[in-house]
Amino acid sequence: MGLLTILRKQREREREIRVLILGLDNAGKTTITKKFLGEDLSTVEPTLGFNIKTVDFHGFTINFWDVGGQKSLRSYWRNYFEQTDALIWVVDSGDQGSTAQTCERLLACREELRSLLGEERLSGATLLVLANKQDLPSAARVADIAKLLELDEIKSHHWRIYSCSAMTGENLLEAVTWMCDDVASRIFTLE
């Protein structure tokens, strides 16, 4: 293998982005991943463990690590933190429970997110918050979700919140484009 081939392979590897997709159970992590990749949404089931999907997007190779969000699986999330460039935190903004249940889930969502952002191995990772299920009439407003999650208090990570719908694809391209641009501005040199 020649030197130019080695250098080209290294350059290609440098354009890879490792994205960890987390959130509480039934937030829509797998559906978002499948929709972004153009896959069939009729076969989505709860993720027991993790799924890895790779896509070429805007000159980057994105490796999506979609990890199950059930309470029993959350303690295993830390096993996936290494070399993460971006964290997509998916929020079920259309939680169908009572107002008290919805508030309780969003508070649990906030606590889990705070815990993640305190992890050293995720320090510096770009944070993309997706307020999913905005196509539902009961969906909470993005501004309300941002306030409840106390996103304005986050100083340790570049972050942005987008409303989205995994079913319609609303704002997914814009959100992932922002994420890639933010990661690139931090870790890739200009060519």
C-alpha atoms as a PDB file:
ATOM      1  CA  MET A   1       0.000   0.000   0.000  1.00  0.00           C
ATOM      2  CA  GLY A   2       1.491   3.319  -1.081  1.00  0.00           C
ATOM      3  CA  LEU A   3       1.853   6.424   1.044  1.00  0.00           C
ATOM      4  CA  LEU A   4      -0.824   8.291  -0.911  1.00  0.00           C
ATOM      5  CA  THR A   5      -3.300   5.476  -0.330  1.00  0.00           C
ATOM      6  CA  ILE A   6      -2.552   5.512   3.396  1.00  0.00           C
ATOM      7  CA  LEU A   7      -2.981   9.296   3.541  1.00  0.00           C
ATOM      8  CA  ARG A   8      -6.253   9.124   1.599  1.00  0.00           C
ATOM      9  CA  LYS A   9      -7.607   6.422   3.903  1.00  0.00           C
ATOM     10  CA  GLN A  10      -6.608   8.500   6.934  1.00  0.00           C
ATOM     11  CA  ARG A  11      -8.356  11.560   5.467  1.00  0.00           C
ATOM     12  CA  GLU A  12     -11.506   9.511   4.816  1.00  0.00           C
ATOM     13  CA  ARG A  13     -11.433   8.211   8.370  1.00  0.00           C
ATOM     14  CA  GLU A  14     -11.090  11.771   9.674  1.00  0.00           C
ATOM     15  CA  ARG A  15     -14.367  12.687   7.980  1.00  0.00           C
ATOM     16  CA  GLU A  16     -16.266  10.156  10.094  1.00  0.00           C
ATOM     17  CA  ILE A  17     -18.660  11.363  12.753  1.00  0.00           C
ATOM     18  CA  ARG A  18     -19.742   9.083  15.565  1.00  0.00           C
ATOM     19  CA  VAL A  19     -23.225   9.989  16.783  1.00  0.00           C
ATOM     20  CA  LEU A  20     -24.842   8.524  19.877  1.00  0.00           C
ATOM     21  CA  ILE A  21     -28.661   8.634  19.812  1.00  0.00           C
ATOM     22  CA  LEU A  22     -30.191   8.499  23.272  1.00  0.00           C
ATOM     23  CA  GLY A  23     -33.442   9.368  25.009  1.00  0.00           C
ATOM     24  CA  LEU A  24     -36.110   7.769  27.148  1.00  0.00           C
ATOM     25  CA  ASP A  25     -38.003   4.721  25.931  1.00  0.00           C
ATOM     26  CA  ASN A  26     -40.503   5.309  23.125  1.00  0.00           C
ATOM     27  CA  ALA A  27     -39.123   8.768  22.299  1.00  0.00           C
ATOM     28  CA  GLY A  28     -38.609   7.790  18.646  1.00  0.00           C
ATOM     29  CA  LYS A  29     -34.841   7.236  18.390  1.00  0.00           C
ATOM     30  CA  THR A  30     -35.028   4.269  16.043  1.00  0.00           C
ATOM     31  CA  THR A  31     -37.819   5.812  13.970  1.00  0.00           C
ATOM     32  CA  ILE A  32     -35.768   8.993  13.529  1.00  0.00           C
ATOM     33  CA  THR A  33     -32.752   6.961  12.440  1.00  0.00           C
ATOM     34  CA  LYS A  34     -34.792   4.899   9.980  1.00  0.00           C
ATOM     35  CA  LYS A  35     -36.553   7.968   8.555  1.00  0.00           C
ATOM     36  CA  PHE A  36     -33.258   9.785   8.057  1.00  0.00           C
ATOM     37  CA  LEU A  37     -31.860   6.755   6.232  1.00  0.00           C
ATOM     38  CA  GLY A  38     -35.012   6.316   4.130  1.00  0.00           C
ATOM     39  CA  GLU A  39     -35.871   2.947   5.633  1.00  0.00           C
ATOM     40  CA  ASP A  40     -39.313   1.402   6.125  1.00  0.00           C
ATOM     41  CA  LEU A  41     -40.997   2.672   9.291  1.00  0.00           C
ATOM     42  CA  SER A  42     -43.604  -0.087   9.530  1.00  0.00           C
ATOM     43  CA  THR A  43     -41.218  -2.483  11.266  1.00  0.00           C
ATOM     44  CA  VAL A  44     -39.976  -0.323  14.158  1.00  0.00           C
ATOM     45  CA  GLU A  45     -39.785  -2.149  17.481  1.00  0.00           C
ATOM     46  CA  PRO A  46     -38.272  -1.140  20.825  1.00  0.00           C
ATOM     47  CA  THR A  47     -34.489  -1.371  20.697  1.00  0.00           C
ATOM     48  CA  LEU A  48     -33.106  -3.976  23.070  1.00  0.00           C
ATOM     49  CA  GLY A  49     -29.420  -3.140  23.033  1.00  0.00           C
ATOM     50  CA  PHE A  50     -28.239  -1.025  20.129  1.00  0.00           C
ATOM     51  CA  ASN A  51     -28.284  -0.573  16.359  1.00  0.00           C
ATOM     52  CA  ILE A  52     -25.497   0.907  14.259  1.00  0.00           C
ATOM     53  CA  LYS A  53     -26.339   2.562  10.953  1.00  0.00           C
ATOM     54  CA  THR A  54     -23.915   4.333   8.620  1.00  0.00           C
ATOM     55  CA  VAL A  55     -24.725   6.976   6.027  1.00  0.00           C
ATOM     56  CA  ASP A  56     -22.744   9.340   3.819  1.00  0.00           C
ATOM     57  CA  PHE A  57     -24.088  12.853   4.297  1.00  0.00           C
ATOM     58  CA  HIS A  58     -22.666  16.198   3.138  1.00  0.00           C
ATOM     59  CA  GLY A  59     -19.161  14.812   2.738  1.00  0.00           C
ATOM     60  CA  PHE A  60     -19.145  12.981   6.067  1.00  0.00           C
ATOM     61  CA  THR A  61     -19.613   9.363   7.000  1.00  0.00           C
ATOM     62  CA  ILE A  62     -21.990   9.371   9.949  1.00  0.00           C
ATOM     63  CA  ASN A  63     -22.114   6.344  12.223  1.00  0.00           C
ATOM     64  CA  PHE A  64     -25.392   6.470  14.158  1.00  0.00           C
ATOM     65  CA  TRP A  65     -25.389   4.455  17.391  1.00  0.00           C
ATOM     66  CA  ASP A  66     -29.065   4.073  18.323  1.00  0.00           C
ATOM     67  CA  VAL A  67     -29.230   2.759  21.891  1.00  0.00           C
ATOM     68  CA  GLY A  68     -32.342   1.491  23.684  1.00  0.00           C
ATOM     69  CA  GLY A  69     -33.888   3.879  26.203  1.00  0.00           C
ATOM     70  CA  GLN A  70     -35.740   1.548  28.550  1.00  0.00           C
ATOM     71  CA  LYS A  71     -34.977   2.255  32.198  1.00  0.00           C
ATOM     72  CA  SER A  72     -33.299  -1.150  32.569  1.00  0.00           C
ATOM     73  CA  LEU A  73     -30.884  -0.305  29.715  1.00  0.00           C
ATOM     74  CA  ARG A  74     -29.852   3.219  30.730  1.00  0.00           C
ATOM     75  CA  SER A  75     -27.067   2.063  33.031  1.00  0.00           C
ATOM     76  CA  TYR A  76     -25.419   0.532  29.943  1.00  0.00           C
ATOM     77  CA  TRP A  77     -25.372   3.822  28.006  1.00  0.00           C
ATOM     78  CA  ARG A  78     -21.893   4.631  29.334  1.00  0.00           C
ATOM     79  CA  ASN A  79     -20.545   1.646  27.393  1.00  0.00           C
ATOM     80  CA  TYR A  80     -21.110   3.629  24.180  1.00  0.00           C
ATOM     81  CA  PHE A  81     -19.525   6.993  25.108  1.00  0.00           C
ATOM     82  CA  GLU A  82     -16.013   6.458  23.709  1.00  0.00           C
ATOM     83  CA  GLN A  83     -15.077   8.664  20.752  1.00  0.00           C
ATOM     84  CA  THR A  84     -18.557  10.183  20.485  1.00  0.00           C
ATOM     85  CA  ASP A  85     -18.524  13.378  18.420  1.00  0.00           C
ATOM     86  CA  ALA A  86     -22.203  14.231  18.820  1.00  0.00           C
ATOM     87  CA  LEU A  87     -25.092  13.269  21.048  1.00  0.00           C
ATOM     88  CA  ILE A  88     -28.627  13.339  19.698  1.00  0.00           C
ATOM     89  CA  TRP A  89     -31.034  13.521  22.633  1.00  0.00           C
ATOM     90  CA  VAL A  90     -34.559  12.596  21.530  1.00  0.00           C
ATOM     91  CA  VAL A  91     -37.508  13.904  23.534  1.00  0.00           C
ATOM     92  CA  ASP A  92     -41.064  12.603  23.181  1.00  0.00           C
ATOM     93  CA  SER A  93     -42.826  15.961  23.016  1.00  0.00           C
ATOM     94  CA  GLY A  94     -46.128  14.234  22.311  1.00  0.00           C
ATOM     95  CA  ASP A  95     -46.151  12.037  25.422  1.00  0.00           C
ATOM     96  CA  GLN A  96     -49.742  10.792  25.595  1.00  0.00           C
ATOM     97  CA  GLY A  97     -50.073  10.504  29.380  1.00  0.00           C
ATOM     98  CA  SER A  98     -51.838  12.876  31.717  1.00  0.00           C
ATOM     99  CA  THR A  99     -50.276  16.265  32.339  1.00  0.00           C
ATOM    100  CA  ALA A 100     -48.656  14.912  35.525  1.00  0.00           C
ATOM    101  CA  GLN A 101     -47.262  11.889  33.659  1.00  0.00           C
ATOM    102  CA  THR A 102     -45.930  14.057  30.857  1.00  0.00           C
ATOM    103  CA  CYS A 103     -44.253  16.395  33.332  1.00  0.00           C
ATOM    104  CA  GLU A 104     -42.756  13.422  35.197  1.00  0.00           C
ATOM    105  CA  ARG A 105     -41.342  11.975  31.972  1.00  0.00           C
ATOM    106  CA  LEU A 106     -39.868  15.327  30.951  1.00  0.00           C
ATOM    107  CA  LEU A 107     -38.289  15.718  34.396  1.00  0.00           C
ATOM    108  CA  ALA A 108     -36.781  12.219  34.069  1.00  0.00           C
ATOM    109  CA  CYS A 109     -35.619  13.245  30.606  1.00  0.00           C
ATOM    110  CA  ARG A 110     -33.923  16.344  32.066  1.00  0.00           C
ATOM    111  CA  GLU A 111     -32.187  14.358  34.811  1.00  0.00           C
ATOM    112  CA  GLU A 112     -30.887  11.741  32.376  1.00  0.00           C
ATOM    113  CA  LEU A 113     -29.608  14.470  30.048  1.00  0.00           C
ATOM    114  CA  ARG A 114     -27.871  16.291  32.922  1.00  0.00           C
ATOM    115  CA  SER A 115     -26.216  13.052  33.958  1.00  0.00           C
ATOM    116  CA  LEU A 116     -24.972  12.440  30.415  1.00  0.00           C
ATOM    117  CA  LEU A 117     -23.581  15.946  30.030  1.00  0.00           C
ATOM    118  CA  GLY A 118     -21.559  15.436  33.205  1.00  0.00           C
ATOM    119  CA  GLU A 119     -19.770  12.431  31.718  1.00  0.00           C
ATOM    120  CA  GLU A 120     -16.121  13.145  30.940  1.00  0.00           C
ATOM    121  CA  ARG A 121     -16.126  10.927  27.847  1.00  0.00           C
ATOM    122  CA  LEU A 122     -18.905  13.064  26.352  1.00  0.00           C
ATOM    123  CA  SER A 123     -17.228  16.373  27.146  1.00  0.00           C
ATOM    124  CA  GLY A 124     -17.120  18.597  24.106  1.00  0.00           C
ATOM    125  CA  ALA A 125     -19.579  16.486  22.118  1.00  0.00           C
ATOM    126  CA  THR A 126     -22.103  18.462  20.110  1.00  0.00           C
ATOM    127  CA  LEU A 127     -25.605  18.168  21.594  1.00  0.00           C
ATOM    128  CA  LEU A 128     -28.586  18.035  19.258  1.00  0.00           C
ATOM    129  CA  VAL A 129     -31.937  17.881  21.051  1.00  0.00           C
ATOM    130  CA  LEU A 130     -34.797  16.648  18.884  1.00  0.00           C
ATOM    131  CA  ALA A 131     -38.281  17.462  20.179  1.00  0.00           C
ATOM    132  CA  ASN A 132     -39.926  14.584  18.350  1.00  0.00           C
ATOM    133  CA  LYS A 133     -43.585  13.866  17.573  1.00  0.00           C
ATOM    134  CA  GLN A 134     -44.415  17.472  16.752  1.00  0.00           C
ATOM    135  CA  ASP A 135     -46.996  16.118  14.292  1.00  0.00           C
ATOM    136  CA  LEU A 136     -49.214  15.102  17.234  1.00  0.00           C
ATOM    137  CA  PRO A 137     -51.875  17.560  18.420  1.00  0.00           C
ATOM    138  CA  SER A 138     -50.770  17.045  22.040  1.00  0.00           C
ATOM    139  CA  ALA A 139     -47.131  17.919  21.340  1.00  0.00           C
ATOM    140  CA  ALA A 140     -45.493  20.278  23.797  1.00  0.00           C
ATOM    141  CA  ARG A 141     -44.023  23.442  22.318  1.00  0.00           C
ATOM    142  CA  VAL A 142     -40.276  23.402  21.678  1.00  0.00           C
ATOM    143  CA  ALA A 143     -39.781  26.512  23.828  1.00  0.00           C
ATOM    144  CA  ASP A 144     -41.520  24.762  26.742  1.00  0.00           C
ATOM    145  CA  ILE A 145     -39.362  21.661  26.330  1.00  0.00           C
ATOM    146  CA  ALA A 146     -36.191  23.761  26.186  1.00  0.00           C
ATOM    147  CA  LYS A 147     -37.234  25.548  29.365  1.00  0.00           C
ATOM    148  CA  LEU A 148     -38.127  22.350  31.229  1.00  0.00           C
ATOM    149  CA  LEU A 149     -34.847  20.717  30.170  1.00  0.00           C
ATOM    150  CA  GLU A 150     -33.029  23.905  31.244  1.00  0.00           C
ATOM    151  CA  LEU A 151     -31.091  23.947  27.995  1.00  0.00           C
ATOM    152  CA  ASP A 152     -30.074  27.596  28.422  1.00  0.00           C
ATOM    153  CA  GLU A 153     -28.005  26.536  31.435  1.00  0.00           C
ATOM    154  CA  ILE A 154     -25.827  24.205  29.337  1.00  0.00           C
ATOM    155  CA  LYS A 155     -22.416  25.830  28.913  1.00  0.00           C
ATOM    156  CA  SER A 156     -20.305  22.682  28.521  1.00  0.00           C
ATOM    157  CA  HIS A 157     -21.528  21.708  25.044  1.00  0.00           C
ATOM    158  CA  HIS A 158     -22.563  23.395  21.818  1.00  0.00           C
ATOM    159  CA  TRP A 159     -26.259  22.625  21.588  1.00  0.00           C
ATOM    160  CA  ARG A 160     -29.381  23.324  19.611  1.00  0.00           C
ATOM    161  CA  ILE A 161     -32.974  22.105  19.826  1.00  0.00           C
ATOM    162  CA  TYR A 162     -35.150  21.360  16.799  1.00  0.00           C
ATOM    163  CA  SER A 163     -38.785  20.425  16.566  1.00  0.00           C
ATOM    164  CA  CYS A 164     -39.185  17.341  14.428  1.00  0.00           C
ATOM    165  CA  SER A 165     -41.385  14.477  13.421  1.00  0.00           C
ATOM    166  CA  ALA A 166     -39.856  11.084  12.802  1.00  0.00           C
ATOM    167  CA  MET A 167     -42.968  10.116  10.853  1.00  0.00           C
ATOM    168  CA  THR A 168     -42.946  13.057   8.421  1.00  0.00           C
ATOM    169  CA  GLY A 169     -39.219  13.813   8.492  1.00  0.00           C
ATOM    170  CA  GLU A 170     -39.878  17.445   9.441  1.00  0.00           C
ATOM    171  CA  ASN A 171     -36.592  19.239  10.291  1.00  0.00           C
ATOM    172  CA  LEU A 172     -34.441  16.077  10.344  1.00  0.00           C
ATOM    173  CA  LEU A 173     -32.197  17.194   7.474  1.00  0.00           C
ATOM    174  CA  GLU A 174     -31.788  20.674   8.930  1.00  0.00           C
ATOM    175  CA  ALA A 175     -30.983  19.306  12.376  1.00  0.00           C
ATOM    176  CA  VAL A 176     -28.404  16.773  11.185  1.00  0.00           C
ATOM    177  CA  THR A 177     -26.848  19.387   8.900  1.00  0.00           C
ATOM    178  CA  TRP A 178     -26.406  21.724  11.880  1.00  0.00           C
ATOM    179  CA  MET A 179     -24.908  18.869  13.911  1.00  0.00           C
ATOM    180  CA  CYS A 180     -22.404  17.971  11.177  1.00  0.00           C
ATOM    181  CA  ASP A 181     -21.418  21.613  10.704  1.00  0.00           C
ATOM    182  CA  ASP A 182     -20.875  22.036  14.439  1.00  0.00           C
ATOM    183  CA  VAL A 183     -18.790  18.863  14.738  1.00  0.00           C
ATOM    184  CA  ALA A 184     -16.773  19.850  11.660  1.00  0.00           C
ATOM    185  CA  SER A 185     -16.043  23.305  13.081  1.00  0.00           C
ATOM    186  CA  ARG A 186     -14.575  21.674  16.186  1.00  0.00           C
ATOM    187  CA  ILE A 187     -12.643  18.671  14.927  1.00  0.00           C
ATOM    188  CA  PHE A 188     -11.959  18.846  11.212  1.00  0.00           C
ATOM    189  CA  THR A 189      -9.359  21.126   9.695  1.00  0.00           C
ATOM    190  CA  LEU A 190     -10.164  23.201   6.649  1.00  0.00           C
ATOM    191  CA  GLU A 191      -9.002  21.660   3.421  1.00  0.00           C
END
